[in-house]
């Protein structure tokens, strides 16, 4: 079945591909959606709804504390007053005036053999391994995936730490059995739970959830039965959505990891079985959008799929009035989703056509 899409908005946004194929998108439990785009030595923050409404000036701009460090997944406070950067050897909070508010030092994510750090804050080792951080939806906490250094006697030990957003003080930590290439956080709209997805390249994916009650950090990993990418959550649904490491299926889970439903992409009669891209999620409480762009290969055959959010049964594939769209997708949770046209550096926002 073909489901026709309706173009809602379009805006020129160089670098906006990181919203649909990267970690530049930051959604909040209150429904706000922002783009966090690295532009040279700046992190430019855009409110997506304001951007589509015609506001081209960033809502906030933060200087990048380590211009030579190009990795890490960063976060901005809900009120836009500060950004938290996941660096190679530190997590640092920076105000809009560029002042350092606090810094949490940790070990080096990519130490080079025989390379002694000189203490130069701008020095960067050459590896690509990195962590990530996330400011909680109430702005009070910073969750960060970090690696410990030799000064703690745990050189190379990865940890998940909870920091006080006011001063960077460590409140709690969980030791992790991981060797990350990279990671990202997904905050649950309930404001209580935080998810952490750790990619280890060919060694697989680790998935953790935790909650902090003000006194105790309780965490649980789902890695005995999973090798899955944490994709999305929705406030009106009981759990979370994942993609199998190599795209074989999507699964909807309860927070304890139990599988509620799953779906594999449906092949056409004359093709090899497709696989899901890792970028997918909830268009709204009733609908999931996913894509098979990578496995479809031919841009003319690239497909976006709409699925029932609870059963993951296929509702249909999307037909765009402008012709085939070979972009990845980023749902906003409000009934719309994003695609990006690389040729014109244009971000598009879509919904299902109403008639």
C-alpha atoms as a PDB file:
ATOM      1  CA  UNK A   1       0.000   0.000   0.000  1.00  0.00           C
ATOM      2  CA  UNK A   2       1.239   3.501  -0.869  1.00  0.00           C
ATOM      3  CA  UNK A   3       0.718   6.304   1.655  1.00  0.00           C
ATOM      4  CA  UNK A   4       1.076   9.794   0.235  1.00  0.00           C
ATOM      5  CA  UNK A   5       3.200  12.306   2.121  1.00  0.00           C
ATOM      6  CA  UNK A   6       2.451  16.014   2.338  1.00  0.00           C
ATOM      7  CA  UNK A   7       5.274  18.563   2.390  1.00  0.00           C
ATOM      8  CA  UNK A   8       4.790  20.790   5.428  1.00  0.00           C
ATOM      9  CA  UNK A   9       7.972  22.879   5.492  1.00  0.00           C
ATOM     10  CA  UNK A  10      11.357  23.281   3.833  1.00  0.00           C
ATOM     11  CA  UNK A  11      14.430  25.263   4.817  1.00  0.00           C
ATOM     12  CA  UNK A  12      18.000  25.594   3.567  1.00  0.00           C
ATOM     13  CA  UNK A  13      20.253  24.229   6.294  1.00  0.00           C
ATOM     14  CA  UNK A  14      23.846  23.370   5.389  1.00  0.00           C
ATOM     15  CA  UNK A  15      25.015  20.527   7.607  1.00  0.00           C
ATOM     16  CA  UNK A  16      21.438  19.496   8.333  1.00  0.00           C
ATOM     17  CA  UNK A  17      22.128  15.950   7.159  1.00  0.00           C
ATOM     18  CA  UNK A  18      23.417  15.325  10.705  1.00  0.00           C
ATOM     19  CA  UNK A  19      19.803  15.559  11.867  1.00  0.00           C
ATOM     20  CA  UNK A  20      18.758  12.474   9.910  1.00  0.00           C
ATOM     21  CA  UNK A  21      22.095  10.654   9.718  1.00  0.00           C
ATOM     22  CA  UNK A  22      23.857  11.522  12.940  1.00  0.00           C
ATOM     23  CA  UNK A  23      23.276  12.828  16.447  1.00  0.00           C
ATOM     24  CA  UNK A  24      22.573  16.527  15.884  1.00  0.00           C
ATOM     25  CA  UNK A  25      18.874  16.139  16.740  1.00  0.00           C
ATOM     26  CA  UNK A  26      17.845  16.715  20.351  1.00  0.00           C
ATOM     27  CA  UNK A  27      14.217  16.217  21.327  1.00  0.00           C
ATOM     28  CA  UNK A  28      12.800  16.897  24.769  1.00  0.00           C
ATOM     29  CA  UNK A  29       9.939  15.460  26.781  1.00  0.00           C
ATOM     30  CA  UNK A  30       8.005  18.730  26.407  1.00  0.00           C
ATOM     31  CA  UNK A  31       7.903  18.234  22.619  1.00  0.00           C
ATOM     32  CA  UNK A  32      10.624  20.734  21.753  1.00  0.00           C
ATOM     33  CA  UNK A  33      13.004  19.764  18.960  1.00  0.00           C
ATOM     34  CA  UNK A  34      16.397  21.304  18.317  1.00  0.00           C
ATOM     35  CA  UNK A  35      19.279  20.996  15.906  1.00  0.00           C
ATOM     36  CA  UNK A  36      22.786  21.071  17.384  1.00  0.00           C
ATOM     37  CA  UNK A  37      25.041  21.767  14.402  1.00  0.00           C
ATOM     38  CA  UNK A  38      28.821  22.021  14.542  1.00  0.00           C
ATOM     39  CA  UNK A  39      29.987  24.904  12.324  1.00  0.00           C
ATOM     40  CA  UNK A  40      33.732  25.324  12.565  1.00  0.00           C
ATOM     41  CA  UNK A  41      34.509  26.440  16.095  1.00  0.00           C
ATOM     42  CA  UNK A  42      30.876  26.911  17.058  1.00  0.00           C
ATOM     43  CA  UNK A  43      27.953  24.759  18.092  1.00  0.00           C
ATOM     44  CA  UNK A  44      24.878  26.439  16.626  1.00  0.00           C
ATOM     45  CA  UNK A  45      21.548  25.580  18.219  1.00  0.00           C
ATOM     46  CA  UNK A  46      18.292  25.970  16.273  1.00  0.00           C
ATOM     47  CA  UNK A  47      14.745  25.495  17.456  1.00  0.00           C
ATOM     48  CA  UNK A  48      13.359  23.440  14.561  1.00  0.00           C
ATOM     49  CA  UNK A  49       9.844  24.839  14.768  1.00  0.00           C
ATOM     50  CA  UNK A  50      11.152  28.400  14.799  1.00  0.00           C
ATOM     51  CA  UNK A  51      13.502  27.572  11.937  1.00  0.00           C
ATOM     52  CA  UNK A  52      10.666  26.310   9.755  1.00  0.00           C
ATOM     53  CA  UNK A  53       8.616  29.372  10.739  1.00  0.00           C
ATOM     54  CA  UNK A  54      11.279  31.618   9.213  1.00  0.00           C
ATOM     55  CA  UNK A  55      13.701  32.325  12.066  1.00  0.00           C
ATOM     56  CA  UNK A  56      17.135  31.744  10.519  1.00  0.00           C
ATOM     57  CA  UNK A  57      19.195  33.025  13.465  1.00  0.00           C
ATOM     58  CA  UNK A  58      20.370  30.316  15.871  1.00  0.00           C
ATOM     59  CA  UNK A  59      18.605  30.312  19.217  1.00  0.00           C
ATOM     60  CA  UNK A  60      22.025  29.997  20.852  1.00  0.00           C
ATOM     61  CA  UNK A  61      25.671  29.712  19.796  1.00  0.00           C
ATOM     62  CA  UNK A  62      28.365  28.112  21.944  1.00  0.00           C
ATOM     63  CA  UNK A  63      32.104  28.120  21.287  1.00  0.00           C
ATOM     64  CA  UNK A  64      33.498  24.615  20.912  1.00  0.00           C
ATOM     65  CA  UNK A  65      36.007  24.185  23.749  1.00  0.00           C
ATOM     66  CA  UNK A  66      38.353  21.903  21.780  1.00  0.00           C
ATOM     67  CA  UNK A  67      38.372  22.879  18.077  1.00  0.00           C
ATOM     68  CA  UNK A  68      40.742  20.011  17.251  1.00  0.00           C
ATOM     69  CA  UNK A  69      38.336  17.418  18.686  1.00  0.00           C
ATOM     70  CA  UNK A  70      35.629  16.492  16.181  1.00  0.00           C
ATOM     71  CA  UNK A  71      33.887  13.605  17.930  1.00  0.00           C
ATOM     72  CA  UNK A  72      31.577  13.113  20.898  1.00  0.00           C
ATOM     73  CA  UNK A  73      27.822  13.644  21.220  1.00  0.00           C
ATOM     74  CA  UNK A  74      26.960  16.901  22.975  1.00  0.00           C
ATOM     75  CA  UNK A  75      23.847  18.323  24.633  1.00  0.00           C
ATOM     76  CA  UNK A  76      22.241  21.673  25.449  1.00  0.00           C
ATOM     77  CA  UNK A  77      20.220  22.544  28.530  1.00  0.00           C
ATOM     78  CA  UNK A  78      16.436  22.771  28.064  1.00  0.00           C
ATOM     79  CA  UNK A  79      16.498  26.556  28.595  1.00  0.00           C
ATOM     80  CA  UNK A  80      19.423  26.995  26.198  1.00  0.00           C
ATOM     81  CA  UNK A  81      21.605  28.697  28.805  1.00  0.00           C
ATOM     82  CA  UNK A  82      24.512  26.240  28.621  1.00  0.00           C
ATOM     83  CA  UNK A  83      25.908  23.416  26.509  1.00  0.00           C
ATOM     84  CA  UNK A  84      27.713  20.324  27.737  1.00  0.00           C
ATOM     85  CA  UNK A  85      30.462  18.976  25.489  1.00  0.00           C
ATOM     86  CA  UNK A  86      31.681  15.389  25.489  1.00  0.00           C
ATOM     87  CA  UNK A  87      35.410  15.773  24.936  1.00  0.00           C
ATOM     88  CA  UNK A  88      38.307  13.414  24.499  1.00  0.00           C
ATOM     89  CA  UNK A  89      39.500  13.848  28.096  1.00  0.00           C
ATOM     90  CA  UNK A  90      36.766  15.857  29.799  1.00  0.00           C
ATOM     91  CA  UNK A  91      33.097  16.736  29.933  1.00  0.00           C
ATOM     92  CA  UNK A  92      32.778  20.519  29.973  1.00  0.00           C
ATOM     93  CA  UNK A  93      29.814  22.853  30.502  1.00  0.00           C
ATOM     94  CA  UNK A  94      30.000  26.159  28.625  1.00  0.00           C
ATOM     95  CA  UNK A  95      27.754  29.210  28.909  1.00  0.00           C
ATOM     96  CA  UNK A  96      26.487  31.247  25.963  1.00  0.00           C
ATOM     97  CA  UNK A  97      29.196  33.830  26.719  1.00  0.00           C
ATOM     98  CA  UNK A  98      31.841  31.145  26.172  1.00  0.00           C
ATOM     99  CA  UNK A  99      32.819  30.921  29.830  1.00  0.00           C
ATOM    100  CA  UNK A 100      33.592  27.487  31.254  1.00  0.00           C
ATOM    101  CA  UNK A 101      31.035  26.745  33.959  1.00  0.00           C
ATOM    102  CA  UNK A 102      32.649  23.520  35.104  1.00  0.00           C
ATOM    103  CA  UNK A 103      34.706  20.593  33.869  1.00  0.00           C
ATOM    104  CA  UNK A 104      34.685  16.897  34.731  1.00  0.00           C
ATOM    105  CA  UNK A 105      38.040  15.337  33.819  1.00  0.00           C
ATOM    106  CA  UNK A 106      38.352  11.697  32.765  1.00  0.00           C
ATOM    107  CA  UNK A 107      40.741   9.416  30.918  1.00  0.00           C
ATOM    108  CA  UNK A 108      41.599   9.720  27.231  1.00  0.00           C
ATOM    109  CA  UNK A 109      39.184   8.070  24.817  1.00  0.00           C
ATOM    110  CA  UNK A 110      41.865   7.439  22.187  1.00  0.00           C
ATOM    111  CA  UNK A 111      45.340   7.385  23.747  1.00  0.00           C
ATOM    112  CA  UNK A 112      48.126   6.961  21.235  1.00  0.00           C
ATOM    113  CA  UNK A 113      50.911   4.525  22.073  1.00  0.00           C
ATOM    114  CA  UNK A 114      53.867   6.416  23.455  1.00  0.00           C
ATOM    115  CA  UNK A 115      51.998   9.714  23.392  1.00  0.00           C
ATOM    116  CA  UNK A 116      52.278  11.502  26.722  1.00  0.00           C
ATOM    117  CA  UNK A 117      49.764  14.297  27.194  1.00  0.00           C
ATOM    118  CA  UNK A 118      51.544  17.574  27.698  1.00  0.00           C
ATOM    119  CA  UNK A 119      48.731  19.247  29.583  1.00  0.00           C
ATOM    120  CA  UNK A 120      47.835  21.344  26.557  1.00  0.00           C
ATOM    121  CA  UNK A 121      44.047  21.513  26.697  1.00  0.00           C
ATOM    122  CA  UNK A 122      43.832  21.751  22.906  1.00  0.00           C
ATOM    123  CA  UNK A 123      45.945  18.692  22.225  1.00  0.00           C
ATOM    124  CA  UNK A 124      43.956  15.824  20.684  1.00  0.00           C
ATOM    125  CA  UNK A 125      44.990  12.231  20.108  1.00  0.00           C
ATOM    126  CA  UNK A 126      44.238  10.817  16.703  1.00  0.00           C
ATOM    127  CA  UNK A 127      41.643   8.156  17.471  1.00  0.00           C
ATOM    128  CA  UNK A 128      37.929   8.388  16.770  1.00  0.00           C
ATOM    129  CA  UNK A 129      36.581   6.630  19.887  1.00  0.00           C
ATOM    130  CA  UNK A 130      34.276   8.850  21.908  1.00  0.00           C
ATOM    131  CA  UNK A 131      31.607   9.078  24.551  1.00  0.00           C
ATOM    132  CA  UNK A 132      28.444  11.139  24.816  1.00  0.00           C
ATOM    133  CA  UNK A 133      26.493  13.255  27.268  1.00  0.00           C
ATOM    134  CA  UNK A 134      22.922  14.366  27.820  1.00  0.00           C
ATOM    135  CA  UNK A 135      21.366  17.080  29.969  1.00  0.00           C
ATOM    136  CA  UNK A 136      18.223  15.782  31.669  1.00  0.00           C
ATOM    137  CA  UNK A 137      14.866  17.225  30.644  1.00  0.00           C
ATOM    138  CA  UNK A 138      14.605  19.163  33.915  1.00  0.00           C
ATOM    139  CA  UNK A 139      18.084  20.629  33.427  1.00  0.00           C
ATOM    140  CA  UNK A 140      19.350  19.374  36.792  1.00  0.00           C
ATOM    141  CA  UNK A 141      21.548  16.446  35.757  1.00  0.00           C
ATOM    142  CA  UNK A 142      24.129  15.593  33.140  1.00  0.00           C
ATOM    143  CA  UNK A 143      24.485  11.955  32.171  1.00  0.00           C
ATOM    144  CA  UNK A 144      27.846  11.137  30.588  1.00  0.00           C
ATOM    145  CA  UNK A 145      29.568   8.083  29.157  1.00  0.00           C
ATOM    146  CA  UNK A 146      33.261   8.443  30.002  1.00  0.00           C
ATOM    147  CA  UNK A 147      36.466   6.443  30.329  1.00  0.00           C
ATOM    148  CA  UNK A 148      38.502   6.453  33.514  1.00  0.00           C
ATOM    149  CA  UNK A 149      42.202   7.342  33.609  1.00  0.00           C
ATOM    150  CA  UNK A 150      45.270   5.850  35.324  1.00  0.00           C
ATOM    151  CA  UNK A 151      45.008   8.318  38.203  1.00  0.00           C
ATOM    152  CA  UNK A 152      41.935   6.373  39.379  1.00  0.00           C
ATOM    153  CA  UNK A 153      43.673   3.025  38.941  1.00  0.00           C
ATOM    154  CA  UNK A 154      41.128   2.000  36.295  1.00  0.00           C
ATOM    155  CA  UNK A 155      42.796   3.068  33.070  1.00  0.00           C
ATOM    156  CA  UNK A 156      40.444   2.277  30.205  1.00  0.00           C
ATOM    157  CA  UNK A 157      37.467   1.346  32.413  1.00  0.00           C
ATOM    158  CA  UNK A 158      34.318   2.865  30.938  1.00  0.00           C
ATOM    159  CA  UNK A 159      31.682   4.304  33.240  1.00  0.00           C
ATOM    160  CA  UNK A 160      28.291   5.937  33.065  1.00  0.00           C
ATOM    161  CA  UNK A 161      28.253   8.903  35.427  1.00  0.00           C
ATOM    162  CA  UNK A 162      25.539  11.214  36.700  1.00  0.00           C
ATOM    163  CA  UNK A 163      26.742  14.778  37.324  1.00  0.00           C
ATOM    164  CA  UNK A 164      25.138  17.751  39.005  1.00  0.00           C
ATOM    165  CA  UNK A 165      24.432  20.185  36.162  1.00  0.00           C
ATOM    166  CA  UNK A 166      25.192  23.164  38.418  1.00  0.00           C
ATOM    167  CA  UNK A 167      28.825  22.345  39.166  1.00  0.00           C
ATOM    168  CA  UNK A 168      29.761  19.056  37.471  1.00  0.00           C
ATOM    169  CA  UNK A 169      30.020  17.211  40.779  1.00  0.00           C
ATOM    170  CA  UNK A 170      29.764  13.437  40.358  1.00  0.00           C
ATOM    171  CA  UNK A 171      26.644  12.084  42.047  1.00  0.00           C
ATOM    172  CA  UNK A 172      26.902   8.435  41.030  1.00  0.00           C
ATOM    173  CA  UNK A 173      28.487   6.077  38.543  1.00  0.00           C
ATOM    174  CA  UNK A 174      27.981   2.675  36.976  1.00  0.00           C
ATOM    175  CA  UNK A 175      30.927   0.657  35.724  1.00  0.00           C
ATOM    176  CA  UNK A 176      30.433  -0.668  32.201  1.00  0.00           C
ATOM    177  CA  UNK A 177      31.785  -3.738  30.449  1.00  0.00           C
ATOM    178  CA  UNK A 178      32.345  -2.001  27.122  1.00  0.00           C
ATOM    179  CA  UNK A 179      35.040  -0.951  24.670  1.00  0.00           C
ATOM    180  CA  UNK A 180      33.245   1.802  22.807  1.00  0.00           C
ATOM    181  CA  UNK A 181      33.763   3.190  19.368  1.00  0.00           C
ATOM    182  CA  UNK A 182      31.015   5.681  20.243  1.00  0.00           C
ATOM    183  CA  UNK A 183      27.754   6.105  22.116  1.00  0.00           C
ATOM    184  CA  UNK A 184      24.568   8.120  22.358  1.00  0.00           C
ATOM    185  CA  UNK A 185      21.876   8.782  24.968  1.00  0.00           C
ATOM    186  CA  UNK A 186      18.101   8.619  24.656  1.00  0.00           C
ATOM    187  CA  UNK A 187      16.114  10.253  27.445  1.00  0.00           C
ATOM    188  CA  UNK A 188      12.701   8.855  28.281  1.00  0.00           C
ATOM    189  CA  UNK A 189       9.895  11.457  28.229  1.00  0.00           C
ATOM    190  CA  UNK A 190       8.898  10.356  31.732  1.00  0.00           C
ATOM    191  CA  UNK A 191      11.835  12.425  32.994  1.00  0.00           C
ATOM    192  CA  UNK A 192      13.056   9.522  35.118  1.00  0.00           C
ATOM    193  CA  UNK A 193      14.772   7.008  32.867  1.00  0.00           C
ATOM    194  CA  UNK A 194      17.808   7.451  30.640  1.00  0.00           C
ATOM    195  CA  UNK A 195      19.011   5.086  27.949  1.00  0.00           C
ATOM    196  CA  UNK A 196      22.589   4.604  26.773  1.00  0.00           C
ATOM    197  CA  UNK A 197      23.531   2.851  23.541  1.00  0.00           C
ATOM    198  CA  UNK A 198      27.201   1.934  23.065  1.00  0.00           C
ATOM    199  CA  UNK A 199      28.509   0.948  19.662  1.00  0.00           C
ATOM    200  CA  UNK A 200      31.580  -1.281  19.608  1.00  0.00           C
ATOM    201  CA  UNK A 201      31.959  -1.736  15.855  1.00  0.00           C
ATOM    202  CA  UNK A 202      32.003  -5.354  14.793  1.00  0.00           C
ATOM    203  CA  UNK A 203      31.950  -6.378  18.462  1.00  0.00           C
ATOM    204  CA  UNK A 204      28.314  -5.373  18.677  1.00  0.00           C
ATOM    205  CA  UNK A 205      26.037  -3.012  20.561  1.00  0.00           C
ATOM    206  CA  UNK A 206      25.448  -2.621  24.292  1.00  0.00           C
ATOM    207  CA  UNK A 207      22.213  -1.169  25.626  1.00  0.00           C
ATOM    208  CA  UNK A 208      21.636   0.147  29.144  1.00  0.00           C
ATOM    209  CA  UNK A 209      18.836   1.895  31.013  1.00  0.00           C
ATOM    210  CA  UNK A 210      19.105   3.649  34.374  1.00  0.00           C
ATOM    211  CA  UNK A 211      17.239   5.942  36.723  1.00  0.00           C
ATOM    212  CA  UNK A 212      18.403   8.334  39.446  1.00  0.00           C
ATOM    213  CA  UNK A 213      16.045   9.027  42.341  1.00  0.00           C
ATOM    214  CA  UNK A 214      18.184  11.682  43.974  1.00  0.00           C
ATOM    215  CA  UNK A 215      20.028   9.206  46.151  1.00  0.00           C
ATOM    216  CA  UNK A 216      20.494   5.959  44.263  1.00  0.00           C
ATOM    217  CA  UNK A 217      21.467   5.179  40.681  1.00  0.00           C
ATOM    218  CA  UNK A 218      19.749   2.001  39.502  1.00  0.00           C
ATOM    219  CA  UNK A 219      20.858   0.565  36.183  1.00  0.00           C
ATOM    220  CA  UNK A 220      20.158  -2.508  34.146  1.00  0.00           C
ATOM    221  CA  UNK A 221      21.698  -3.793  30.966  1.00  0.00           C
ATOM    222  CA  UNK A 222      19.870  -5.784  28.324  1.00  0.00           C
ATOM    223  CA  UNK A 223      22.905  -7.288  26.684  1.00  0.00           C
ATOM    224  CA  UNK A 224      22.437 -10.974  27.457  1.00  0.00           C
ATOM    225  CA  UNK A 225      19.742 -11.190  24.792  1.00  0.00           C
ATOM    226  CA  UNK A 226      20.390  -8.115  22.640  1.00  0.00           C
ATOM    227  CA  UNK A 227      22.722  -6.789  19.990  1.00  0.00           C
ATOM    228  CA  UNK A 228      20.506  -3.850  19.169  1.00  0.00           C
ATOM    229  CA  UNK A 229      20.631  -0.109  18.550  1.00  0.00           C
ATOM    230  CA  UNK A 230      18.466   2.065  20.798  1.00  0.00           C
ATOM    231  CA  UNK A 231      16.412   4.163  18.383  1.00  0.00           C
ATOM    232  CA  UNK A 232      13.552   6.018  20.071  1.00  0.00           C
ATOM    233  CA  UNK A 233      10.957   6.267  22.837  1.00  0.00           C
ATOM    234  CA  UNK A 234       7.519   7.897  22.992  1.00  0.00           C
ATOM    235  CA  UNK A 235       5.688   9.338  25.984  1.00  0.00           C
ATOM    236  CA  UNK A 236       2.459   7.475  25.279  1.00  0.00           C
ATOM    237  CA  UNK A 237       4.035   4.054  24.778  1.00  0.00           C
ATOM    238  CA  UNK A 238       5.357   1.771  27.511  1.00  0.00           C
ATOM    239  CA  UNK A 239       8.860   1.098  26.240  1.00  0.00           C
ATOM    240  CA  UNK A 240      11.396   1.735  23.516  1.00  0.00           C
ATOM    241  CA  UNK A 241      12.224   0.922  19.897  1.00  0.00           C
ATOM    242  CA  UNK A 242      15.389  -0.843  18.724  1.00  0.00           C
ATOM    243  CA  UNK A 243      17.001  -1.921  15.470  1.00  0.00           C
ATOM    244  CA  UNK A 244      18.986  -5.154  15.206  1.00  0.00           C
ATOM    245  CA  UNK A 245      22.714  -4.434  14.748  1.00  0.00           C
ATOM    246  CA  UNK A 246      22.646  -5.291  11.040  1.00  0.00           C
ATOM    247  CA  UNK A 247      19.096  -4.139  10.361  1.00  0.00           C
ATOM    248  CA  UNK A 248      17.378  -7.539  10.307  1.00  0.00           C
ATOM    249  CA  UNK A 249      14.355  -6.341  12.303  1.00  0.00           C
ATOM    250  CA  UNK A 250      12.794  -3.652  14.466  1.00  0.00           C
ATOM    251  CA  UNK A 251      11.533  -4.461  17.943  1.00  0.00           C
ATOM    252  CA  UNK A 252       9.315  -2.679  20.432  1.00  0.00           C
ATOM    253  CA  UNK A 253      10.242  -3.463  24.052  1.00  0.00           C
ATOM    254  CA  UNK A 254       9.019  -2.752  27.526  1.00  0.00           C
ATOM    255  CA  UNK A 255      11.606  -1.037  29.736  1.00  0.00           C
ATOM    256  CA  UNK A 256      12.785  -4.373  31.135  1.00  0.00           C
ATOM    257  CA  UNK A 257      13.674  -5.465  27.592  1.00  0.00           C
ATOM    258  CA  UNK A 258      10.767  -7.823  26.921  1.00  0.00           C
ATOM    259  CA  UNK A 259       9.787  -7.855  23.250  1.00  0.00           C
ATOM    260  CA  UNK A 260       6.267  -6.580  22.558  1.00  0.00           C
ATOM    261  CA  UNK A 261       6.388  -6.801  18.756  1.00  0.00           C
ATOM    262  CA  UNK A 262       8.863  -7.016  15.901  1.00  0.00           C
ATOM    263  CA  UNK A 263       9.017  -6.530  12.155  1.00  0.00           C
ATOM    264  CA  UNK A 264      11.366  -7.352   9.298  1.00  0.00           C
ATOM    265  CA  UNK A 265      11.210  -5.292   6.083  1.00  0.00           C
ATOM    266  CA  UNK A 266       9.232  -6.897   3.287  1.00  0.00           C
ATOM    267  CA  UNK A 267      11.156  -7.684   0.093  1.00  0.00           C
ATOM    268  CA  UNK A 268       9.832  -6.948  -3.360  1.00  0.00           C
ATOM    269  CA  UNK A 269       9.411  -9.941  -5.646  1.00  0.00           C
ATOM    270  CA  UNK A 270      12.619  -9.347  -7.581  1.00  0.00           C
ATOM    271  CA  UNK A 271      15.085  -8.311  -4.885  1.00  0.00           C
ATOM    272  CA  UNK A 272      17.197  -9.590  -2.051  1.00  0.00           C
ATOM    273  CA  UNK A 273      15.640  -9.141   1.393  1.00  0.00           C
ATOM    274  CA  UNK A 274      16.194  -5.518   2.491  1.00  0.00           C
ATOM    275  CA  UNK A 275      17.409  -4.426   5.914  1.00  0.00           C
ATOM    276  CA  UNK A 276      16.414  -1.510   8.093  1.00  0.00           C
ATOM    277  CA  UNK A 277      18.549   1.589   8.423  1.00  0.00           C
ATOM    278  CA  UNK A 278      19.404   2.527  12.011  1.00  0.00           C
ATOM    279  CA  UNK A 279      17.509   5.847  11.822  1.00  0.00           C
ATOM    280  CA  UNK A 280      13.857   5.275  12.700  1.00  0.00           C
ATOM    281  CA  UNK A 281      11.337   6.179  15.365  1.00  0.00           C
ATOM    282  CA  UNK A 282       7.905   7.363  16.382  1.00  0.00           C
ATOM    283  CA  UNK A 283       6.066   9.741  14.078  1.00  0.00           C
ATOM    284  CA  UNK A 284       3.444   9.847  16.838  1.00  0.00           C
ATOM    285  CA  UNK A 285       1.930   7.443  19.357  1.00  0.00           C
ATOM    286  CA  UNK A 286       0.323   5.431  16.557  1.00  0.00           C
ATOM    287  CA  UNK A 287       2.970   5.302  13.856  1.00  0.00           C
ATOM    288  CA  UNK A 288       6.626   4.366  13.422  1.00  0.00           C
ATOM    289  CA  UNK A 289       8.642   5.406  10.386  1.00  0.00           C
ATOM    290  CA  UNK A 290      11.661   3.419   9.189  1.00  0.00           C
ATOM    291  CA  UNK A 291      13.715   3.284   6.008  1.00  0.00           C
ATOM    292  CA  UNK A 292      15.606   0.785   3.868  1.00  0.00           C
ATOM    293  CA  UNK A 293      17.716   3.300   1.961  1.00  0.00           C
ATOM    294  CA  UNK A 294      21.052   1.504   2.339  1.00  0.00           C
ATOM    295  CA  UNK A 295      19.833  -1.884   1.153  1.00  0.00           C
ATOM    296  CA  UNK A 296      17.643  -0.454  -1.612  1.00  0.00           C
ATOM    297  CA  UNK A 297      20.854   1.018  -3.128  1.00  0.00           C
ATOM    298  CA  UNK A 298      19.167   2.540  -6.189  1.00  0.00           C
ATOM    299  CA  UNK A 299      17.865   6.007  -5.142  1.00  0.00           C
ATOM    300  CA  UNK A 300      14.828   5.455  -7.339  1.00  0.00           C
ATOM    301  CA  UNK A 301      13.896   2.432  -5.237  1.00  0.00           C
ATOM    302  CA  UNK A 302      14.675   3.848  -1.783  1.00  0.00           C
ATOM    303  CA  UNK A 303      11.733   3.304   0.535  1.00  0.00           C
ATOM    304  CA  UNK A 304      10.335   4.759   3.725  1.00  0.00           C
ATOM    305  CA  UNK A 305       7.876   2.599   5.634  1.00  0.00           C
ATOM    306  CA  UNK A 306       5.056   3.494   8.014  1.00  0.00           C
ATOM    307  CA  UNK A 307       4.322   0.869  10.674  1.00  0.00           C
ATOM    308  CA  UNK A 308       1.776   0.513  13.440  1.00  0.00           C
ATOM    309  CA  UNK A 309       3.517   1.777  16.592  1.00  0.00           C
ATOM    310  CA  UNK A 310       2.299  -1.082  18.808  1.00  0.00           C
ATOM    311  CA  UNK A 311       2.253  -4.108  16.518  1.00  0.00           C
ATOM    312  CA  UNK A 312       4.906  -2.921  14.026  1.00  0.00           C
ATOM    313  CA  UNK A 313       2.717  -4.259  11.241  1.00  0.00           C
ATOM    314  CA  UNK A 314       3.365  -2.501   7.941  1.00  0.00           C
ATOM    315  CA  UNK A 315       0.800   0.142   7.075  1.00  0.00           C
ATOM    316  CA  UNK A 316       2.456   0.989   3.769  1.00  0.00           C
ATOM    317  CA  UNK A 317       5.376   2.660   2.030  1.00  0.00           C
ATOM    318  CA  UNK A 318       5.560   6.418   1.588  1.00  0.00           C
ATOM    319  CA  UNK A 319       4.961   8.073  -1.779  1.00  0.00           C
ATOM    320  CA  UNK A 320       6.447  11.558  -1.987  1.00  0.00           C
ATOM    321  CA  UNK A 321       4.772  14.031  -4.369  1.00  0.00           C
ATOM    322  CA  UNK A 322       8.209  15.366  -5.359  1.00  0.00           C
ATOM    323  CA  UNK A 323       9.446  11.948  -6.497  1.00  0.00           C
ATOM    324  CA  UNK A 324      11.690   9.361  -4.814  1.00  0.00           C
ATOM    325  CA  UNK A 325      13.454  10.509  -1.628  1.00  0.00           C
ATOM    326  CA  UNK A 326      16.649   8.633  -0.795  1.00  0.00           C
ATOM    327  CA  UNK A 327      17.269  10.363   2.540  1.00  0.00           C
ATOM    328  CA  UNK A 328      17.298   8.812   5.976  1.00  0.00           C
ATOM    329  CA  UNK A 329      14.409   9.888   8.208  1.00  0.00           C
ATOM    330  CA  UNK A 330      14.024  11.600  11.583  1.00  0.00           C
ATOM    331  CA  UNK A 331      10.549  11.572  13.152  1.00  0.00           C
ATOM    332  CA  UNK A 332       9.628  14.432  15.475  1.00  0.00           C
ATOM    333  CA  UNK A 333       6.917  12.626  17.463  1.00  0.00           C
ATOM    334  CA  UNK A 334       4.269  15.199  16.545  1.00  0.00           C
ATOM    335  CA  UNK A 335       2.955  13.493  13.408  1.00  0.00           C
ATOM    336  CA  UNK A 336       5.771  14.715  11.173  1.00  0.00           C
ATOM    337  CA  UNK A 337       9.217  13.570  10.070  1.00  0.00           C
ATOM    338  CA  UNK A 338      12.338  15.058   8.497  1.00  0.00           C
ATOM    339  CA  UNK A 339      14.319  14.205   5.377  1.00  0.00           C
ATOM    340  CA  UNK A 340      17.365  15.954   3.956  1.00  0.00           C
ATOM    341  CA  UNK A 341      18.242  16.718   0.337  1.00  0.00           C
ATOM    342  CA  UNK A 342      22.035  16.759   0.049  1.00  0.00           C
ATOM    343  CA  UNK A 343      22.022  18.236  -3.450  1.00  0.00           C
ATOM    344  CA  UNK A 344      20.260  21.412  -2.322  1.00  0.00           C
ATOM    345  CA  UNK A 345      21.238  21.357   1.393  1.00  0.00           C
ATOM    346  CA  UNK A 346      17.531  21.497   2.220  1.00  0.00           C
ATOM    347  CA  UNK A 347      15.739  20.083   5.251  1.00  0.00           C
ATOM    348  CA  UNK A 348      12.161  18.965   4.562  1.00  0.00           C
ATOM    349  CA  UNK A 349       9.368  18.259   7.051  1.00  0.00           C
ATOM    350  CA  UNK A 350       6.571  15.868   6.058  1.00  0.00           C
ATOM    351  CA  UNK A 351       3.338  14.397   7.336  1.00  0.00           C
ATOM    352  CA  UNK A 352       0.776  12.014   5.958  1.00  0.00           C
ATOM    353  CA  UNK A 353      -1.462  13.728   3.426  1.00  0.00           C
ATOM    354  CA  UNK A 354      -4.878  14.517   4.821  1.00  0.00           C
ATOM    355  CA  UNK A 355      -6.731  13.912   1.568  1.00  0.00           C
END
